[in-house]
Amino acid sequence: GFWRFAAEHWRTGITEARGVLSTRSYMNAAQRYVPSIGAADVRRGGLGLRAQAVGRDGSLVDDFVIEQRDGVTAIRNAPSPAATSSLAIAEHVVARMGLGR
């Protein structure tokens, strides 16, 4: 699915890479939203990454995908250990399994 996603969004990827590599390019893009911002207002920082699951068709997957097959319930793409231990999510999964109250 990654290659399908990349083929559809390659222009955005190039734009993002350009902003990472060039402060001037980043500032030009930022000035569309905040016209008064200038080079003195920003400083280069570390890169941030966010994991994102992609479906086989190239679509972005929601934070949680709950699938049931052959009596097995699986949760994929859980964003954090805290979220996976959430009682609200546990209640939702139990209800989907037909085991709820």
C-alpha atoms as a PDB file:
ATOM      1  CA  GLY A   1       0.000   0.000   0.000  1.00  0.00           C
ATOM      2  CA  PHE A   2       2.901   2.394   0.611  1.00  0.00           C
ATOM      3  CA  TRP A   3       3.833   2.572  -3.063  1.00  0.00           C
ATOM      4  CA  ARG A   4       0.231   3.312  -4.058  1.00  0.00           C
ATOM      5  CA  PHE A   5       0.087   6.053  -1.448  1.00  0.00           C
ATOM      6  CA  ALA A   6       3.449   7.473  -2.593  1.00  0.00           C
ATOM      7  CA  ALA A   7       2.382   7.428  -6.248  1.00  0.00           C
ATOM      8  CA  GLU A   8      -0.741   9.411  -5.432  1.00  0.00           C
ATOM      9  CA  HIS A   9       0.921  11.936  -3.097  1.00  0.00           C
ATOM     10  CA  TRP A  10       4.413  12.343  -4.560  1.00  0.00           C
ATOM     11  CA  ARG A  11       4.008  16.098  -5.081  1.00  0.00           C
ATOM     12  CA  THR A  12       3.223  16.610  -1.399  1.00  0.00           C
ATOM     13  CA  GLY A  13       6.246  14.477  -0.497  1.00  0.00           C
ATOM     14  CA  ILE A  14       8.536  16.657  -2.598  1.00  0.00           C
ATOM     15  CA  THR A  15       7.072  19.830  -1.079  1.00  0.00           C
ATOM     16  CA  GLU A  16       7.596  18.493   2.450  1.00  0.00           C
ATOM     17  CA  ALA A  17      11.165  17.385   1.705  1.00  0.00           C
ATOM     18  CA  ARG A  18      11.941  20.799   0.230  1.00  0.00           C
ATOM     19  CA  GLY A  19      10.711  22.464   3.452  1.00  0.00           C
ATOM     20  CA  VAL A  20      12.893  20.190   5.564  1.00  0.00           C
ATOM     21  CA  LEU A  21      15.993  20.862   3.490  1.00  0.00           C
ATOM     22  CA  SER A  22      15.514  24.602   2.902  1.00  0.00           C
ATOM     23  CA  THR A  23      14.634  27.151   5.583  1.00  0.00           C
ATOM     24  CA  ARG A  24      13.741  29.640   2.847  1.00  0.00           C
ATOM     25  CA  SER A  25      11.296  27.205   1.263  1.00  0.00           C
ATOM     26  CA  TYR A  26       9.759  26.494   4.672  1.00  0.00           C
ATOM     27  CA  MET A  27       9.395  30.220   5.378  1.00  0.00           C
ATOM     28  CA  ASN A  28       7.741  30.847   1.998  1.00  0.00           C
ATOM     29  CA  ALA A  29       5.141  28.198   2.811  1.00  0.00           C
ATOM     30  CA  ALA A  30       4.618  29.500   6.368  1.00  0.00           C
ATOM     31  CA  GLN A  31       4.114  33.055   5.121  1.00  0.00           C
ATOM     32  CA  ARG A  32       0.983  31.945   3.285  1.00  0.00           C
ATOM     33  CA  TYR A  33      -0.590  31.439   6.719  1.00  0.00           C
ATOM     34  CA  VAL A  34       1.305  34.066   8.751  1.00  0.00           C
ATOM     35  CA  PRO A  35       2.440  36.788   6.335  1.00  0.00           C
ATOM     36  CA  SER A  36       4.424  38.691   8.972  1.00  0.00           C
ATOM     37  CA  ILE A  37       6.626  35.722   9.957  1.00  0.00           C
ATOM     38  CA  GLY A  38      10.302  36.052   9.119  1.00  0.00           C
ATOM     39  CA  ALA A  39      13.547  34.127   9.406  1.00  0.00           C
ATOM     40  CA  ALA A  40      14.253  35.707  12.810  1.00  0.00           C
ATOM     41  CA  ASP A  41      11.056  34.139  14.156  1.00  0.00           C
ATOM     42  CA  VAL A  42      12.082  30.534  13.633  1.00  0.00           C
ATOM     43  CA  ARG A  43      15.018  28.262  14.277  1.00  0.00           C
ATOM     44  CA  ARG A  44      15.785  24.827  12.942  1.00  0.00           C
ATOM     45  CA  GLY A  45      14.805  22.007  15.244  1.00  0.00           C
ATOM     46  CA  GLY A  46      14.850  18.249  15.184  1.00  0.00           C
ATOM     47  CA  LEU A  47      12.719  16.260  12.805  1.00  0.00           C
ATOM     48  CA  GLY A  48       9.491  14.777  14.051  1.00  0.00           C
ATOM     49  CA  LEU A  49       8.174  11.461  12.813  1.00  0.00           C
ATOM     50  CA  ARG A  50       4.766   9.925  13.222  1.00  0.00           C
ATOM     51  CA  ALA A  51       3.993   6.347  12.386  1.00  0.00           C
ATOM     52  CA  GLN A  52       0.995   5.865  10.119  1.00  0.00           C
ATOM     53  CA  ALA A  53      -0.467   2.607   8.938  1.00  0.00           C
ATOM     54  CA  VAL A  54      -1.404   2.396   5.269  1.00  0.00           C
ATOM     55  CA  GLY A  55      -3.928  -0.014   3.788  1.00  0.00           C
ATOM     56  CA  ARG A  56      -3.135  -2.246   0.821  1.00  0.00           C
ATOM     57  CA  ASP A  57      -5.065   0.173  -1.397  1.00  0.00           C
ATOM     58  CA  GLY A  58      -2.851   3.106  -0.332  1.00  0.00           C
ATOM     59  CA  SER A  59      -5.410   4.687   1.996  1.00  0.00           C
ATOM     60  CA  LEU A  60      -4.439   5.897   5.456  1.00  0.00           C
ATOM     61  CA  VAL A  61      -5.693   3.630   8.226  1.00  0.00           C
ATOM     62  CA  ASP A  62      -7.617   5.019  11.205  1.00  0.00           C
ATOM     63  CA  ASP A  63      -6.026   5.013  14.634  1.00  0.00           C
ATOM     64  CA  PHE A  64      -7.676   1.676  15.390  1.00  0.00           C
ATOM     65  CA  VAL A  65      -8.656  -1.104  13.056  1.00  0.00           C
ATOM     66  CA  ILE A  66     -10.543  -3.875  14.773  1.00  0.00           C
ATOM     67  CA  GLU A  67     -10.859  -7.057  12.736  1.00  0.00           C
ATOM     68  CA  GLN A  68     -12.459 -10.353  13.545  1.00  0.00           C
ATOM     69  CA  ARG A  69     -11.548 -13.554  11.705  1.00  0.00           C
ATOM     70  CA  ASP A  70     -12.036 -17.163  12.658  1.00  0.00           C
ATOM     71  CA  GLY A  71     -12.821 -16.322  16.276  1.00  0.00           C
ATOM     72  CA  VAL A  72      -9.803 -14.025  16.685  1.00  0.00           C
ATOM     73  CA  THR A  73     -10.198 -10.302  17.374  1.00  0.00           C
ATOM     74  CA  ALA A  74      -7.184  -8.179  16.471  1.00  0.00           C
ATOM     75  CA  ILE A  75      -6.549  -4.469  17.041  1.00  0.00           C
ATOM     76  CA  ARG A  76      -4.051  -2.960  14.628  1.00  0.00           C
ATOM     77  CA  ASN A  77      -2.356   0.420  14.522  1.00  0.00           C
ATOM     78  CA  ALA A  78      -2.867   1.240  18.176  1.00  0.00           C
ATOM     79  CA  PRO A  79      -1.200   4.669  18.600  1.00  0.00           C
ATOM     80  CA  SER A  80       0.213   4.203  22.092  1.00  0.00           C
ATOM     81  CA  PRO A  81       0.462   1.745  24.980  1.00  0.00           C
ATOM     82  CA  ALA A  82      -1.791   4.048  27.014  1.00  0.00           C
ATOM     83  CA  ALA A  83      -4.464   3.863  24.330  1.00  0.00           C
ATOM     84  CA  THR A  84      -4.267   0.096  24.071  1.00  0.00           C
ATOM     85  CA  SER A  85      -4.852  -0.181  27.814  1.00  0.00           C
ATOM     86  CA  SER A  86      -7.854   2.179  27.721  1.00  0.00           C
ATOM     87  CA  LEU A  87     -10.925   0.749  29.394  1.00  0.00           C
ATOM     88  CA  ALA A  88     -13.181   2.506  26.875  1.00  0.00           C
ATOM     89  CA  ILE A  89     -11.425   0.712  24.026  1.00  0.00           C
ATOM     90  CA  ALA A  90     -11.605  -2.567  25.928  1.00  0.00           C
ATOM     91  CA  GLU A  91     -15.360  -2.109  26.389  1.00  0.00           C
ATOM     92  CA  HIS A  92     -15.750  -1.405  22.659  1.00  0.00           C
ATOM     93  CA  VAL A  93     -13.790  -4.525  21.691  1.00  0.00           C
ATOM     94  CA  VAL A  94     -15.731  -6.696  24.146  1.00  0.00           C
ATOM     95  CA  ALA A  95     -19.004  -5.351  22.735  1.00  0.00           C
ATOM     96  CA  ARG A  96     -17.849  -6.078  19.165  1.00  0.00           C
ATOM     97  CA  MET A  97     -17.036  -9.616  20.221  1.00  0.00           C
ATOM     98  CA  GLY A  98     -20.580 -10.025  21.524  1.00  0.00           C
ATOM     99  CA  LEU A  99     -19.390 -10.579  25.076  1.00  0.00           C
ATOM    100  CA  GLY A 100     -20.701  -7.305  26.538  1.00  0.00           C
ATOM    101  CA  ARG A 101     -23.417  -6.880  29.127  1.00  0.00           C
END
